[in-house]
Amino acid sequence: MDVTPELLHGPSMVDLFDAAGITGEYLIRFHKKELKAKKTEFIKLKGAVNPANLGKGQSIIATSGIIEQDKDGEWYGTGDTVIAVQVADLGIRQKGLNEVHKLRGDYPADKQKHEVTGPNGGPILTKAVDLTDDELLNIAAGRIGGVAETAQSPK
């Protein structure tokens, strides 16, 4: 039997996410919604507001005091009016846009600083060896112990 990464480490995270329904298509739908995110802001105004004068995404939440409409259709009030207004949630949209660009690979890879240390973060201990140039060349060539394995003639 061949040893595969799945046998050693279990299924990959991608396989686990796919099995849970978090597929590439799901992420695309999620990020498309995120790029259209809106939030509700509330505005308190003095007096009455004519509902006919409200724009798209605006609604009257509460009123106080006496509200009257005159014969010309104008609204008057002695209290306050609270209006809910739907506006773009730019913070959520910006974060979503950054995530989409990361997933697409549009950004360069993050630079990572790697540092090699000895035990417990200490210095790396080395042993100084005094070798001749020929011995170094033999080691680099893969000859055992830095000495060429050739027959030596007796002197």
Foldseek 3Di string as FASTA:
>chain_A
DDDDPCNVPNDDPQVVCVVVVNHPVVLVVVLVVLLQDKDKDKDKAAWDDDQVPDDPQKDWDDWDADWDADPVRDITGHTMIMMIHIDGPVVSNVVSVVVVCVVVVVDDDDDDDDDDADPPRHHDDDDDDDDDPQLVVQVVVPHPPSDHPDDDDDD
